[in-house]
């Protein structure tokens, strides 16, 4: 939801698409997945009607030369910055012709403190599903005779909540996924929407509707893995400073 706006009602066809999505992922939990594993996830597309297309996370542009280059690129194209989405060679074709949506109930981000990083789960207070903007592309591997369908999540500058969490010293600012709602959903996927109209959609969400808490490590032997325990609250002593009298 955009800052200063009330949540818009979701179009009925999007609600029906969400029902189908939930049927498709039964028995395939998506509690905590990493883009660097390039999982295959259903993405909602629109072409003569809404439909779901399984795609790998990490966009490989159609001009990619070979499989080695595709693997290298996919690790750098998990996210696409809204500010350069329509100019960057890796994303501009996808942004122009194949935009999609991914439903989420929350996402993970790291807070950095004194050289350590602590995972946090960020979601919405009403616990409803949100839709995040994606761009998609289709790459043909001529050596293998295969077609690879991939996507990237569109991100924008972080709101005030994200500024408190996503403080990676290697980045120039906090980031967050672009969340769309109401009529924005179909506007984003429509082939008739102009680039200027699309750019107007790519804004931070209202932090007053969101919340966050630390969770267990997402990787390593102490990680709960891709289970519901992944987003349960966890305490790190380093995140709490003892009170002082002065």
Protein backbone atom coordinates (compact mmCIF):
# COMPACT_ATOMS: atom_id res chain seq x y z
CA UNK A 1 0.00 0.00 0.00
CA UNK A 2 1.28 3.44 -0.89
CA UNK A 3 2.03 5.93 1.84
CA UNK A 4 -0.97 7.97 2.90
CA UNK A 5 -3.51 5.82 1.04
CA UNK A 6 -6.15 3.36 2.23
CA UNK A 7 -5.96 -0.23 1.07
CA UNK A 8 -7.86 -0.73 -2.18
CA UNK A 9 -10.09 -3.72 -2.82
CA UNK A 10 -8.59 -6.48 -4.93
CA UNK A 11 -10.23 -7.24 -8.31
CA UNK A 12 -12.26 -10.45 -8.23
CA UNK A 13 -10.18 -12.10 -10.97
CA UNK A 14 -7.05 -11.56 -8.87
CA UNK A 15 -8.75 -13.13 -5.86
CA UNK A 16 -9.65 -16.15 -7.99
CA UNK A 17 -6.06 -16.36 -9.22
CA UNK A 18 -4.88 -16.44 -5.60
CA UNK A 19 -7.21 -19.35 -4.87
CA UNK A 20 -5.69 -21.27 -7.78
CA UNK A 21 -2.18 -20.40 -6.58
CA UNK A 22 -2.91 -21.88 -3.17
CA UNK A 23 -4.12 -25.07 -4.81
CA UNK A 24 -0.97 -25.29 -6.91
CA UNK A 25 1.45 -24.96 -3.98
CA UNK A 26 -0.28 -27.45 -1.66
CA UNK A 27 2.41 -29.73 -0.29
CA UNK A 28 5.12 -27.40 -1.60
CA UNK A 29 5.86 -25.05 1.32
CA UNK A 30 7.23 -21.60 0.60
CA UNK A 31 8.04 -20.48 4.13
CA UNK A 32 11.67 -19.47 3.60
CA UNK A 33 13.30 -19.71 0.18
CA UNK A 34 16.47 -18.10 -1.12
CA UNK A 35 16.74 -16.47 -4.49
CA UNK A 36 20.28 -17.79 -4.80
CA UNK A 37 18.82 -21.30 -5.02
CA UNK A 38 16.80 -20.07 -8.02
CA UNK A 39 13.60 -21.87 -7.00
CA UNK A 40 10.78 -22.31 -9.48
CA UNK A 41 7.74 -20.29 -8.36
CA UNK A 42 4.38 -19.66 -10.10
CA UNK A 43 4.14 -16.08 -11.37
CA UNK A 44 0.81 -14.53 -12.36
CA UNK A 45 0.79 -13.21 -15.93
CA UNK A 46 -1.82 -11.70 -18.23
CA UNK A 47 -2.20 -12.48 -21.91
CA UNK A 48 -5.76 -12.94 -23.08
CA UNK A 49 -6.60 -13.61 -19.43
CA UNK A 50 -4.77 -14.35 -16.22
CA UNK A 51 -2.65 -17.49 -15.93
CA UNK A 52 0.15 -18.91 -13.77
CA UNK A 53 3.59 -19.69 -15.22
CA UNK A 54 6.29 -21.50 -13.19
CA UNK A 55 9.47 -19.41 -13.37
CA UNK A 56 12.92 -19.51 -11.81
CA UNK A 57 13.94 -16.64 -9.54
CA UNK A 58 16.88 -14.76 -11.10
CA UNK A 59 16.15 -13.17 -14.46
CA UNK A 60 18.09 -14.31 -17.52
CA UNK A 61 17.56 -11.80 -20.37
CA UNK A 62 16.81 -13.08 -23.86
CA UNK A 63 20.17 -11.79 -25.19
CA UNK A 64 22.25 -13.97 -22.84
CA UNK A 65 24.90 -15.88 -24.82
CA UNK A 66 25.31 -19.25 -23.09
CA UNK A 67 24.55 -21.36 -20.02
CA UNK A 68 27.59 -20.20 -18.04
CA UNK A 69 26.66 -16.58 -18.59
CA UNK A 70 23.05 -17.34 -17.65
CA UNK A 71 24.12 -18.85 -14.33
CA UNK A 72 26.33 -15.89 -13.53
CA UNK A 73 23.69 -13.34 -14.49
CA UNK A 74 20.89 -15.02 -12.53
CA UNK A 75 22.74 -14.40 -9.26
CA UNK A 76 22.84 -10.68 -10.01
CA UNK A 77 19.26 -10.28 -11.23
CA UNK A 78 17.17 -11.52 -8.31
CA UNK A 79 15.97 -7.94 -7.84
CA UNK A 80 15.41 -5.11 -10.31
CA UNK A 81 15.64 -1.52 -9.08
CA UNK A 82 12.53 0.50 -9.96
CA UNK A 83 14.63 3.60 -10.62
CA UNK A 84 16.52 1.96 -13.51
CA UNK A 85 14.06 -0.77 -14.50
CA UNK A 86 13.35 0.61 -17.96
CA UNK A 87 16.97 1.47 -18.79
CA UNK A 88 19.09 -1.43 -17.54
CA UNK A 89 19.90 -3.86 -20.38
CA UNK A 90 19.11 -6.88 -18.21
CA UNK A 91 15.58 -5.71 -17.42
CA UNK A 92 14.29 -3.21 -19.98
CA UNK A 93 12.91 -5.81 -22.40
CA UNK A 94 11.19 -7.75 -19.62
CA UNK A 95 9.81 -4.55 -18.08
CA UNK A 96 8.37 -3.49 -21.42
CA UNK A 97 6.71 -6.73 -22.49
CA UNK A 98 6.28 -9.24 -19.65
CA UNK A 99 5.31 -8.00 -16.21
CA UNK A 100 3.90 -10.29 -13.55
CA UNK A 101 2.83 -10.58 -9.93
CA UNK A 102 3.91 -12.75 -7.02
CA UNK A 103 1.69 -13.16 -3.93
CA UNK A 104 3.50 -13.05 -0.58
CA UNK A 105 2.51 -12.98 3.08
CA UNK A 106 5.87 -11.53 4.10
CA UNK A 107 9.57 -11.38 3.30
CA UNK A 108 12.97 -11.53 5.01
CA UNK A 109 15.69 -8.95 5.34
CA UNK A 110 18.87 -8.55 7.39
CA UNK A 111 19.77 -5.98 10.01
CA UNK A 112 23.53 -5.33 10.30
CA UNK A 113 25.13 -4.62 13.69
CA UNK A 114 28.88 -4.53 14.39
CA UNK A 115 29.81 -6.78 11.50
CA UNK A 116 27.03 -9.31 12.14
CA UNK A 117 23.68 -9.64 10.41
CA UNK A 118 20.39 -10.70 11.93
CA UNK A 119 17.45 -11.92 9.83
CA UNK A 120 14.05 -10.30 10.26
CA UNK A 121 10.64 -11.30 8.98
CA UNK A 122 8.56 -8.40 7.65
CA UNK A 123 4.84 -8.70 7.04
CA UNK A 124 1.54 -6.80 7.35
CA UNK A 125 -0.50 -6.28 10.50
CA UNK A 126 -3.73 -7.50 8.88
CA UNK A 127 -1.93 -10.75 7.83
CA UNK A 128 -3.40 -10.55 4.35
CA UNK A 129 -1.55 -11.54 1.18
CA UNK A 130 0.16 -8.78 -0.79
CA UNK A 131 1.17 -8.78 -4.46
CA UNK A 132 4.64 -7.73 -5.48
CA UNK A 133 5.68 -6.53 -8.92
CA UNK A 134 7.88 -8.79 -11.05
CA UNK A 135 9.41 -8.65 -14.50
CA UNK A 136 9.89 -11.82 -16.52
CA UNK A 137 11.88 -13.01 -19.51
CA UNK A 138 12.32 -16.09 -21.67
CA UNK A 139 15.77 -17.31 -22.65
CA UNK A 140 16.52 -19.98 -25.23
CA UNK A 141 19.51 -22.20 -24.54
CA UNK A 142 20.42 -23.27 -28.08
CA UNK A 143 23.11 -25.71 -26.92
CA UNK A 144 20.71 -27.66 -24.73
CA UNK A 145 17.60 -27.00 -26.78
CA UNK A 146 15.78 -25.73 -23.67
CA UNK A 147 13.80 -22.63 -22.80
CA UNK A 148 14.33 -21.04 -19.39
CA UNK A 149 11.58 -18.87 -17.88
CA UNK A 150 12.83 -16.49 -15.21
CA UNK A 151 11.77 -13.46 -13.17
CA UNK A 152 13.09 -10.69 -10.94
CA UNK A 153 11.36 -8.87 -8.10
CA UNK A 154 11.04 -5.11 -8.55
CA UNK A 155 12.33 -3.12 -5.57
CA UNK A 156 12.08 0.50 -4.53
CA UNK A 157 13.52 2.63 -1.74
CA UNK A 158 12.64 1.37 1.72
CA UNK A 159 10.09 3.09 3.93
CA UNK A 160 10.86 4.14 7.52
CA UNK A 161 10.36 0.61 8.88
CA UNK A 162 12.78 -0.83 6.34
CA UNK A 163 15.29 1.93 7.11
CA UNK A 164 15.51 0.52 10.64
CA UNK A 165 16.20 -3.02 9.37
CA UNK A 166 17.76 -3.02 5.93
CA UNK A 167 20.92 -1.13 6.91
CA UNK A 168 23.45 -3.05 4.84
CA UNK A 169 26.58 -0.84 4.84
CA UNK A 170 27.37 -1.95 1.28
CA UNK A 171 24.14 -0.39 -0.03
CA UNK A 172 23.41 3.29 -0.53
CA UNK A 173 19.89 3.04 0.92
CA UNK A 174 17.36 0.57 2.35
CA UNK A 175 15.24 -1.29 -0.21
CA UNK A 176 11.93 -3.16 -0.26
CA UNK A 177 9.73 -4.98 -2.80
CA UNK A 178 7.19 -2.94 -4.75
CA UNK A 179 3.74 -3.87 -3.43
CA UNK A 180 0.73 -3.28 -5.69
CA UNK A 181 -2.96 -3.32 -4.83
CA UNK A 182 -6.43 -2.77 -6.23
CA UNK A 183 -6.54 -1.48 -9.81
CA UNK A 184 -2.74 -1.17 -9.82
CA UNK A 185 -2.52 -4.95 -10.24
CA UNK A 186 -4.14 -5.08 -13.67
CA UNK A 187 -2.58 -1.76 -14.67
CA UNK A 188 0.87 -3.26 -14.02
CA UNK A 189 0.22 -6.28 -16.24
CA UNK A 190 -1.67 -4.51 -19.03
CA UNK A 191 0.16 -4.17 -22.35
CA UNK A 192 -1.60 -0.83 -22.85
CA UNK A 193 -0.02 0.86 -19.82
CA UNK A 194 2.63 3.43 -20.72
CA UNK A 195 6.09 3.46 -19.17
CA UNK A 196 5.28 6.72 -17.39
CA UNK A 197 2.15 5.18 -15.89
CA UNK A 198 4.13 2.14 -14.80
CA UNK A 199 6.75 4.28 -13.10
CA UNK A 200 4.04 5.97 -11.04
CA UNK A 201 3.20 2.60 -9.46
CA UNK A 202 6.69 1.87 -8.14
CA UNK A 203 6.58 3.46 -4.68
CA UNK A 204 7.27 2.33 -1.11
CA UNK A 205 4.46 0.86 0.99
CA UNK A 206 3.00 2.58 4.03
CA UNK A 207 5.11 1.50 7.02
CA UNK A 208 2.17 2.02 9.42
CA UNK A 209 0.56 -1.11 7.96
CA UNK A 210 3.69 -3.23 8.43
CA UNK A 211 5.58 -4.93 11.24
CA UNK A 212 8.82 -6.87 11.70
CA UNK A 213 10.58 -9.18 14.14
CA UNK A 214 13.89 -11.08 14.27
CA UNK A 215 13.89 -14.77 13.32
CA UNK A 216 16.29 -17.70 13.53
CA UNK A 217 19.21 -17.89 11.06
CA UNK A 218 17.99 -18.58 7.55
CA UNK A 219 21.08 -20.62 6.70
CA UNK A 220 23.35 -23.04 8.54
CA UNK A 221 22.83 -25.79 11.11
CA UNK A 222 20.59 -23.64 13.33
CA UNK A 223 18.25 -22.76 10.50
CA UNK A 224 14.71 -24.22 10.62
CA UNK A 225 14.83 -24.43 6.83
CA UNK A 226 11.76 -24.07 4.64
CA UNK A 227 9.29 -24.63 7.50
CA UNK A 228 6.79 -22.48 9.38
CA UNK A 229 9.36 -22.12 12.18
CA UNK A 230 11.33 -19.86 9.84
CA UNK A 231 9.17 -16.82 10.56
CA UNK A 232 8.63 -17.37 14.30
CA UNK A 233 10.12 -14.66 16.56
CA UNK A 234 13.63 -15.27 17.87
CA UNK A 235 15.73 -13.33 20.38
CA UNK A 236 19.29 -12.13 19.74
CA UNK A 237 21.06 -10.55 22.70
CA UNK A 238 22.96 -8.25 20.35
CA UNK A 239 19.72 -6.56 19.28
CA UNK A 240 18.90 -5.38 22.78
CA UNK A 241 20.95 -2.84 24.72
CA UNK A 242 20.60 -2.94 28.54
CA UNK A 243 18.89 0.10 30.06
CA UNK A 244 21.09 2.73 31.70
CA UNK A 245 20.44 5.21 34.50
CA UNK A 246 22.21 8.07 32.80
